[in-house]
Protein backbone atom coordinates (compact mmCIF):
# COMPACT_ATOMS: atom_id res chain seq x y z
CA MET A 1 0.00 0.00 0.00
CA ASN A 2 1.25 3.45 -0.91
CA LEU A 3 0.24 6.96 0.09
CA VAL A 4 0.00 9.27 -2.95
CA PRO A 5 -1.28 12.81 -3.54
CA ALA A 6 -4.77 13.03 -5.05
CA LYS A 7 -5.12 14.64 -8.47
CA SER A 8 -8.17 16.14 -10.15
CA PHE A 9 -8.67 12.97 -12.21
CA ASP A 10 -9.04 11.00 -8.94
CA ILE A 11 -12.23 12.79 -7.87
CA ASN A 12 -14.55 10.25 -9.53
CA THR A 13 -12.92 7.45 -7.53
CA VAL A 14 -13.09 9.55 -4.36
CA MET A 15 -16.83 9.98 -4.98
CA GLN A 16 -17.24 6.21 -5.38
CA ILE A 17 -15.52 5.72 -2.02
CA GLU A 18 -17.68 8.45 -0.46
CA ARG A 19 -20.90 6.80 -1.70
CA SER A 20 -19.76 3.38 -0.48
CA ALA A 21 -18.76 4.63 2.97
CA PHE A 22 -21.50 7.01 4.08
CA ILE A 23 -25.29 7.16 4.06
CA PRO A 24 -26.67 9.60 1.45
CA ALA A 25 -27.52 12.29 4.01
CA ILE A 26 -23.85 12.46 5.10
CA GLN A 27 -22.20 12.20 1.69
CA GLU A 28 -20.51 15.35 0.54
CA SER A 29 -20.73 16.64 -3.01
CA GLN A 30 -18.20 16.31 -5.78
CA LYS A 31 -17.90 20.10 -5.78
CA THR A 32 -16.89 20.02 -2.10
CA PHE A 33 -14.14 17.50 -2.82
CA GLU A 34 -12.96 19.48 -5.84
CA LYS A 35 -12.72 22.59 -3.65
CA ARG A 36 -10.83 20.62 -0.97
CA LEU A 37 -8.32 19.47 -3.55
CA SER A 38 -7.97 22.97 -4.98
CA ALA A 39 -7.62 24.63 -1.56
CA PHE A 40 -5.13 22.18 -0.05
CA PRO A 41 -3.71 19.56 -2.43
CA GLU A 42 -0.99 18.65 0.10
CA GLY A 43 -3.73 17.60 2.52
CA PHE A 44 -5.66 15.38 0.08
CA LEU A 45 -4.12 11.92 -0.06
CA LEU A 46 -5.01 8.52 -1.46
CA LEU A 47 -4.18 5.02 -0.29
CA GLN A 48 -3.24 2.93 -3.30
CA ASP A 49 -3.08 -0.84 -3.44
CA SER A 50 0.02 -1.55 -5.49
CA SER A 51 0.36 -5.20 -4.53
CA THR A 52 1.61 -7.53 -7.24
CA GLU A 53 -1.75 -9.32 -7.30
CA THR A 54 -3.68 -6.06 -7.76
CA VAL A 55 -1.34 -4.70 -10.42
CA LEU A 56 -1.43 -7.95 -12.41
CA LYS A 57 -5.21 -8.18 -12.12
CA ASN A 58 -5.96 -4.52 -12.92
CA GLY A 59 -2.98 -3.42 -14.98
CA GLY A 60 -1.92 -0.94 -12.30
CA ALA A 61 -2.42 0.23 -8.74
CA VAL A 62 -5.96 0.68 -7.43
CA THR A 63 -7.17 3.40 -5.06
CA ALA A 64 -8.32 1.91 -1.76
CA GLY A 65 -9.19 5.06 0.20
CA TYR A 66 -8.90 8.81 0.59
CA PHE A 67 -7.97 11.31 3.30
CA CYS A 68 -8.55 15.05 3.08
CA SER A 69 -7.87 17.92 5.44
CA GLU A 70 -7.77 21.68 5.85
CA ILE A 71 -5.65 24.05 7.89
CA TRP A 72 -7.54 26.52 10.08
CA ASN A 73 -6.48 29.54 12.13
CA SER A 74 -8.22 28.25 15.26
CA ILE A 75 -10.63 25.69 16.66
CA PRO A 76 -14.00 27.33 16.09
CA ASP A 77 -16.48 27.77 18.92
CA ASP A 78 -19.34 27.97 16.42
CA ASP A 79 -20.51 24.40 15.70
CA ASN A 80 -21.94 25.55 12.35
CA PHE A 81 -18.36 26.01 11.19
CA PHE A 82 -18.16 22.20 10.80
CA ALA A 83 -21.22 21.99 8.53
CA LEU A 84 -21.12 19.25 5.91
CA GLY A 85 -20.25 20.75 2.55
CA HIS A 86 -18.66 23.90 4.02
CA ASP A 87 -16.45 25.76 1.58
CA PRO A 88 -12.81 24.86 2.34
CA GLU A 89 -11.58 27.71 0.17
CA LYS A 90 -13.09 30.15 2.69
CA VAL A 91 -11.68 28.55 5.85
CA HIS A 92 -8.34 27.03 4.78
CA LYS A 93 -5.38 29.12 6.00
CA VAL A 94 -2.09 27.49 5.04
CA THR A 95 -0.22 29.26 7.86
CA GLY A 96 -2.73 28.29 10.56
CA PRO A 97 -1.88 26.07 13.56
CA VAL A 98 -4.91 23.72 13.39
CA LEU A 99 -5.24 20.77 11.01
CA TYR A 100 -8.83 19.68 10.52
CA ALA A 101 -9.05 16.09 9.22
CA SER A 102 -12.25 16.68 7.28
CA SER A 103 -12.90 13.27 5.72
CA PHE A 104 -11.43 9.80 5.53
CA ALA A 105 -12.79 6.57 4.07
CA LEU A 106 -11.91 3.23 2.47
CA PHE A 107 -13.68 1.14 -0.15
CA PRO A 108 -15.62 -1.73 1.53
CA GLU A 109 -13.23 -4.40 0.22
CA TYR A 110 -10.36 -2.72 2.11
CA ARG A 111 -12.18 -2.39 5.43
CA GLY A 112 -11.51 -4.92 8.17
CA ARG A 113 -7.98 -5.52 6.86
CA HIS A 114 -6.19 -3.35 9.46
CA LEU A 115 -5.49 -0.63 6.91
CA ALA A 116 -7.56 2.26 8.28
CA LYS A 117 -5.37 3.11 11.28
CA PRO A 118 -2.01 3.06 9.45
CA PHE A 119 -3.50 4.95 6.50
CA PHE A 120 -4.96 7.65 8.75
CA GLU A 121 -1.76 7.87 10.80
CA GLU A 122 0.53 8.06 7.76
CA SER A 123 -1.70 10.73 6.24
CA LEU A 124 -1.39 12.82 9.40
CA LYS A 125 2.37 12.26 9.49
CA SER A 126 2.63 13.42 5.88
CA VAL A 127 0.69 16.63 6.45
CA CYS A 128 2.03 17.45 9.92
CA GLY A 129 5.57 16.73 8.75
CA ALA A 130 5.22 19.06 5.78
CA PHE A 131 3.67 21.86 7.83
CA PRO A 132 5.75 22.34 10.99
CA ASP A 133 3.62 25.27 12.22
CA LEU A 134 0.72 22.90 12.89
CA LYS A 135 0.15 22.58 16.63
CA THR A 136 -3.17 20.75 16.85
CA VAL A 137 -5.15 18.16 14.87
CA ILE A 138 -8.93 18.04 15.20
CA LEU A 139 -11.61 15.83 13.71
CA LEU A 140 -15.33 15.31 14.02
CA VAL A 141 -16.69 11.78 14.27
CA ASN A 142 -20.25 10.48 14.42
CA GLU A 143 -20.99 9.05 17.89
CA GLU A 144 -22.33 5.92 16.12
CA TRP A 145 -19.00 5.13 14.45
CA GLN A 146 -17.35 3.26 17.30
CA GLY A 147 -14.72 1.61 15.07
CA ALA A 148 -13.52 4.97 13.78
CA LYS A 149 -13.58 6.44 17.28
CA HIS A 150 -11.43 3.54 18.50
CA ILE A 151 -8.85 4.22 15.76
CA TYR A 152 -8.66 7.90 16.68
CA GLU A 153 -8.37 7.19 20.41
CA SER A 154 -5.60 4.64 19.76
CA LEU A 155 -3.67 7.41 17.97
CA GLY A 156 -3.97 9.74 20.97
CA PHE A 157 -7.07 11.76 20.11
CA LYS A 158 -9.08 12.94 23.11
CA PHE A 159 -12.65 14.17 23.52
CA LEU A 160 -12.95 17.95 23.11
CA ARG A 161 -16.71 18.52 22.96
CA THR A 162 -20.02 17.22 21.63
CA ILE A 163 -21.95 18.83 18.79
CA PRO A 164 -25.52 17.72 19.49
CA GLY A 165 -27.52 16.27 16.60
CA PHE A 166 -24.84 17.05 14.02
CA PHE A 167 -25.12 13.89 11.90
CA PRO A 168 -28.15 12.36 10.19
CA SER A 169 -28.67 8.78 11.34
CA LEU A 170 -30.23 5.58 10.06
CA HIS A 171 -31.20 4.59 13.59
CA LYS A 172 -32.73 7.76 15.04
CA ALA A 173 -33.54 11.35 14.06
CA SER A 174 -29.90 12.42 14.41
CA SER A 175 -26.70 11.51 16.19
CA ASP A 176 -24.19 13.65 18.00
CA GLY A 177 -20.83 14.60 16.60
CA THR A 178 -17.79 14.11 18.81
CA LEU A 179 -15.06 16.67 18.29
CA MET A 180 -11.66 15.15 19.09
CA ILE A 181 -8.23 16.73 19.44
CA CYS A 182 -4.59 15.65 19.40
CA ASP A 183 -1.20 17.35 19.50
CA ALA A 184 0.23 17.59 15.97
CA ALA A 185 3.68 16.73 17.36
CA ALA A 186 2.41 13.16 17.85
CA PHE A 187 2.53 12.80 14.05
CA ARG A 188 6.04 14.07 13.49
CA GLU A 189 8.85 11.57 13.38
């Protein structure tokens, strides 16, 4: 598996991953991902399966997942700042101290293979290593996604606050968002 920068021609694959990973009410638009890539290409990474078996079968490497992020000036107090589909071009500040891990997902066939944690960690190492002024990493996770929450906690993320009813849910009217935080230095080697 290799970590590679996303390119504009990868957006269709990113959208396939997005549709396979999230319920329709949570899925973000292609335009949002295009803006994320435009605003911060260094923070938009892909996990590629370049195993011999995959290359022989498909004639090349295959994208297994994506990670995207933004750099912010601060951790916002206004919960609306985290709205799905927000415009990253308006909030991304390349010199800011806060990295917001805005989205991360794998195709279903790559889940359950112990790839998510190393992919997420290596993505953070790549971005935090390239931007030494980053002090903090934040993310927002659906309270229902216990597997994802476990990955983040195992990497040192701690609870910061709850955003009530942030996410649509299949099981109830809505579910809370859990804002988590970690020191960016944890992802520098």
